[in-house]
């Protein structure tokens, strides 16, 4: 079930969106201020954010700018500001869609379904995101706790192989063949574990006790 964050100070509208979209289809976190929204995204991953611009303690643009530093999941702006300059600003800051009030719940539902479908199909298995990591091998975006990471070409190729085969153990010889594809006739037997160790050091909270890149003894590696 997809988690949706709603940031809308009008309590009637906030609840109306929940009822209109249906609690059986989505799981909602309802916020009414920027402070509540900032707390909600700490350690939580949402499939989509519905964000009002005019809020009691600030404007949604500020939140959108902050959110985009660590997350690329869809954001739909929901506002009474129907000027073109407001819409352009939203898109420039990273919004994926813009709906002005008043609006039809049927249209809102269709736009949300479209955003979610595009989000999951575009990124495919070359993308991974949780409250700690944002990794996108297509867009070549690699972040840890909001901070950009610099990965070597070998580390990028290794990460791509792991993500595209997540959940499946990849034999060592297959990984070597996929990562070192530059026609090398000989690859040192330590090249793979060294590359894995360096990648772990950049991605894992505790490289000595990795949560994501696991070693399957005698076989190879798997992205958990």
Protein backbone atom coordinates (compact mmCIF):
# COMPACT_ATOMS: atom_id res chain seq x y z
CA UNK A 1 0.00 0.00 0.00
CA UNK A 2 1.36 3.42 -0.99
CA UNK A 3 1.99 5.98 1.75
CA UNK A 4 0.83 9.51 0.94
CA UNK A 5 1.72 12.61 2.94
CA UNK A 6 -0.90 15.38 2.89
CA UNK A 7 0.23 18.85 3.96
CA UNK A 8 -2.91 21.01 4.00
CA UNK A 9 -4.01 23.38 6.78
CA UNK A 10 -7.71 23.31 5.84
CA UNK A 11 -8.85 20.41 8.02
CA UNK A 12 -12.06 19.85 6.04
CA UNK A 13 -10.18 19.67 2.76
CA UNK A 14 -7.44 17.54 4.29
CA UNK A 15 -9.98 15.00 5.50
CA UNK A 16 -11.95 15.29 2.26
CA UNK A 17 -8.91 14.24 0.24
CA UNK A 18 -8.46 11.18 2.45
CA UNK A 19 -12.09 10.18 2.09
CA UNK A 20 -12.13 10.92 -1.64
CA UNK A 21 -9.03 8.90 -2.44
CA UNK A 22 -10.02 6.01 -0.21
CA UNK A 23 -8.24 4.58 2.82
CA UNK A 24 -8.28 1.09 1.28
CA UNK A 25 -6.10 2.22 -1.63
CA UNK A 26 -3.59 4.40 0.20
CA UNK A 27 -2.21 4.95 3.69
CA UNK A 28 -2.25 8.62 4.71
CA UNK A 29 -0.25 10.83 7.04
CA UNK A 30 -2.11 14.11 7.55
CA UNK A 31 -0.23 17.29 8.45
CA UNK A 32 -1.53 20.82 8.87
CA UNK A 33 1.70 22.81 9.28
CA UNK A 34 5.24 22.80 7.90
CA UNK A 35 6.52 21.80 11.32
CA UNK A 36 4.37 18.67 11.30
CA UNK A 37 5.42 17.87 7.72
CA UNK A 38 9.12 18.18 8.50
CA UNK A 39 8.70 15.83 11.44
CA UNK A 40 6.72 13.36 9.34
CA UNK A 41 9.40 12.94 6.67
CA UNK A 42 12.15 12.23 9.18
CA UNK A 43 12.86 8.53 8.81
CA UNK A 44 9.73 7.89 6.70
CA UNK A 45 9.43 7.22 2.99
CA UNK A 46 6.34 8.43 1.17
CA UNK A 47 5.29 7.38 -2.31
CA UNK A 48 3.81 10.83 -2.92
CA UNK A 49 3.36 14.19 -1.19
CA UNK A 50 0.30 16.44 -1.64
CA UNK A 51 1.52 19.89 -0.64
CA UNK A 52 -0.35 23.15 -0.10
CA UNK A 53 1.59 26.38 -0.63
CA UNK A 54 0.01 28.73 1.93
CA UNK A 55 0.46 27.24 5.40
CA UNK A 56 0.22 28.80 8.88
CA UNK A 57 3.95 28.68 9.58
CA UNK A 58 5.38 29.31 6.11
CA UNK A 59 4.95 28.30 2.49
CA UNK A 60 5.13 24.95 0.73
CA UNK A 61 7.90 26.13 -1.59
CA UNK A 62 10.35 26.10 1.33
CA UNK A 63 9.35 22.57 2.26
CA UNK A 64 9.57 21.41 -1.38
CA UNK A 65 13.10 22.81 -1.70
CA UNK A 66 14.19 21.00 1.47
CA UNK A 67 12.45 17.76 0.47
CA UNK A 68 14.14 17.67 -2.92
CA UNK A 69 17.57 17.62 -1.28
CA UNK A 70 16.99 14.06 -0.09
CA UNK A 71 14.00 12.64 -1.98
CA UNK A 72 12.88 12.53 -5.60
CA UNK A 73 9.47 10.91 -5.08
CA UNK A 74 6.49 12.75 -6.65
CA UNK A 75 5.16 15.98 -5.17
CA UNK A 76 1.79 17.40 -6.21
CA UNK A 77 1.23 21.05 -5.34
CA UNK A 78 -2.30 21.84 -4.21
CA UNK A 79 -3.10 25.55 -3.92
CA UNK A 80 -5.42 28.46 -4.55
CA UNK A 81 -2.55 30.37 -6.18
CA UNK A 82 -3.47 30.07 -9.86
CA UNK A 83 -0.99 32.57 -11.28
CA UNK A 84 1.41 31.27 -13.89
CA UNK A 85 4.42 32.53 -11.92
CA UNK A 86 3.39 30.37 -8.93
CA UNK A 87 3.07 27.29 -11.11
CA UNK A 88 6.43 27.91 -12.79
CA UNK A 89 8.12 28.36 -9.39
CA UNK A 90 6.67 25.07 -8.19
CA UNK A 91 8.00 23.18 -11.19
CA UNK A 92 11.41 24.87 -10.95
CA UNK A 93 11.71 23.73 -7.34
CA UNK A 94 10.89 20.14 -8.27
CA UNK A 95 7.11 19.74 -8.18
CA UNK A 96 5.74 17.03 -10.49
CA UNK A 97 2.22 18.38 -10.86
CA UNK A 98 0.15 21.40 -9.86
CA UNK A 99 -3.58 21.45 -9.05
CA UNK A 100 -5.47 24.63 -8.23
CA UNK A 101 -8.45 24.95 -5.92
CA UNK A 102 -11.31 24.28 -6.34
CA UNK A 103 -10.71 20.93 -7.98
CA UNK A 104 -12.44 17.67 -8.76
CA UNK A 105 -11.52 14.69 -6.56
CA UNK A 106 -11.81 12.47 -9.63
CA UNK A 107 -9.21 14.58 -11.43
CA UNK A 108 -6.97 14.64 -8.35
CA UNK A 109 -7.18 10.86 -8.07
CA UNK A 110 -6.29 10.43 -11.75
CA UNK A 111 -3.30 12.75 -11.45
CA UNK A 112 -2.05 10.93 -8.35
CA UNK A 113 -2.37 7.52 -10.00
CA UNK A 114 -0.48 8.84 -13.02
CA UNK A 115 2.34 10.27 -10.90
CA UNK A 116 2.73 7.04 -8.97
CA UNK A 117 2.71 4.93 -12.12
CA UNK A 118 5.37 7.09 -13.78
CA UNK A 119 7.46 7.21 -10.61
CA UNK A 120 7.76 3.46 -10.23
CA UNK A 121 8.05 2.62 -13.93
CA UNK A 122 10.62 5.31 -14.77
CA UNK A 123 13.07 4.45 -12.06
CA UNK A 124 12.72 0.69 -12.32
CA UNK A 125 15.15 -1.45 -10.41
CA UNK A 126 18.11 0.83 -10.97
CA UNK A 127 16.83 3.07 -8.20
CA UNK A 128 16.73 2.66 -4.43
CA UNK A 129 15.49 4.99 -1.74
CA UNK A 130 14.95 4.79 2.00
CA UNK A 131 15.31 7.22 4.87
CA UNK A 132 19.09 6.93 4.63
CA UNK A 133 20.00 6.44 0.97
CA UNK A 134 18.90 7.87 -2.37
CA UNK A 135 20.51 5.96 -5.23
CA UNK A 136 19.57 6.40 -8.88
CA UNK A 137 21.87 4.70 -11.38
CA UNK A 138 19.96 6.14 -14.36
CA UNK A 139 20.22 9.79 -13.31
CA UNK A 140 23.56 9.09 -11.61
CA UNK A 141 22.37 10.58 -8.31
CA UNK A 142 23.89 9.10 -5.18
CA UNK A 143 23.12 10.54 -1.75
CA UNK A 144 23.53 9.46 1.85
CA UNK A 145 21.58 11.39 4.48
CA UNK A 146 21.03 14.14 1.92
CA UNK A 147 24.73 14.52 1.13
CA UNK A 148 25.97 13.74 -2.38
CA UNK A 149 28.34 10.81 -2.75
CA UNK A 150 31.17 10.51 -5.24
CA UNK A 151 31.34 6.99 -6.66
CA UNK A 152 34.06 5.74 -8.98
CA UNK A 153 33.03 4.30 -12.34
CA UNK A 154 33.62 0.78 -11.00
CA UNK A 155 31.53 1.50 -7.90
CA UNK A 156 28.71 2.86 -10.06
CA UNK A 157 28.68 -0.24 -12.26
CA UNK A 158 28.82 -2.50 -9.20
CA UNK A 159 25.90 -0.67 -7.59
CA UNK A 160 23.86 -0.91 -10.79
CA UNK A 161 24.35 -4.68 -10.97
CA UNK A 162 23.36 -5.07 -7.31
CA UNK A 163 20.24 -2.89 -7.57
CA UNK A 164 19.01 -4.40 -10.83
CA UNK A 165 19.26 -7.85 -9.25
CA UNK A 166 18.17 -6.92 -5.73
CA UNK A 167 17.03 -9.85 -3.66
CA UNK A 168 18.96 -12.30 -5.86
CA UNK A 169 22.40 -13.65 -5.08
CA UNK A 170 24.82 -12.75 -7.88
CA UNK A 171 27.74 -15.17 -8.37
CA UNK A 172 31.21 -13.67 -8.19
CA UNK A 173 32.12 -14.56 -11.77
CA UNK A 174 28.92 -12.97 -13.08
CA UNK A 175 29.61 -9.77 -11.15
CA UNK A 176 33.16 -9.61 -12.43
CA UNK A 177 31.96 -10.10 -15.99
CA UNK A 178 29.33 -7.35 -15.67
CA UNK A 179 31.46 -4.80 -13.82
CA UNK A 180 34.77 -5.21 -15.64
CA UNK A 181 33.49 -5.20 -19.24
CA UNK A 182 36.33 -3.30 -20.85
CA UNK A 183 37.94 -6.28 -22.50
CA UNK A 184 40.33 -7.10 -19.70
CA UNK A 185 41.57 -10.67 -20.03
CA UNK A 186 42.63 -10.86 -16.40
CA UNK A 187 40.98 -9.39 -13.31
CA UNK A 188 42.75 -9.72 -9.97
CA UNK A 189 40.80 -12.01 -7.65
CA UNK A 190 40.80 -9.29 -5.00
CA UNK A 191 39.31 -6.64 -7.31
CA UNK A 192 35.70 -7.54 -6.52
CA UNK A 193 35.92 -7.71 -2.69
CA UNK A 194 37.96 -4.49 -2.68
CA UNK A 195 35.33 -2.72 -4.81
CA UNK A 196 32.53 -4.05 -2.60
CA UNK A 197 34.38 -2.91 0.53
CA UNK A 198 34.82 0.61 -0.85
CA UNK A 199 31.18 0.81 -1.89
CA UNK A 200 30.06 -0.37 1.54
CA UNK A 201 32.21 2.29 3.19
CA UNK A 202 30.30 4.96 1.28
CA UNK A 203 26.78 3.55 1.56
CA UNK A 204 26.46 1.56 4.77
CA UNK A 205 25.97 3.08 8.23
CA UNK A 206 28.22 0.34 9.65
CA UNK A 207 30.37 -1.11 6.84
CA UNK A 208 31.54 -3.93 9.11
CA UNK A 209 27.90 -4.97 9.60
CA UNK A 210 26.26 -4.09 6.27
CA UNK A 211 22.50 -3.84 5.95
CA UNK A 212 22.30 -3.78 2.16
CA UNK A 213 25.30 -5.37 0.42
CA UNK A 214 25.56 -8.84 1.91
CA UNK A 215 28.12 -11.55 1.23
CA UNK A 216 26.75 -15.00 0.44
CA UNK A 217 29.61 -17.22 1.51
CA UNK A 218 31.20 -19.16 -1.32
CA UNK A 219 28.78 -17.75 -3.92
CA UNK A 220 28.76 -14.00 -4.32
CA UNK A 221 26.82 -10.95 -3.16
CA UNK A 222 23.23 -9.79 -2.81
CA UNK A 223 21.50 -6.42 -2.26
CA UNK A 224 19.07 -7.12 0.54
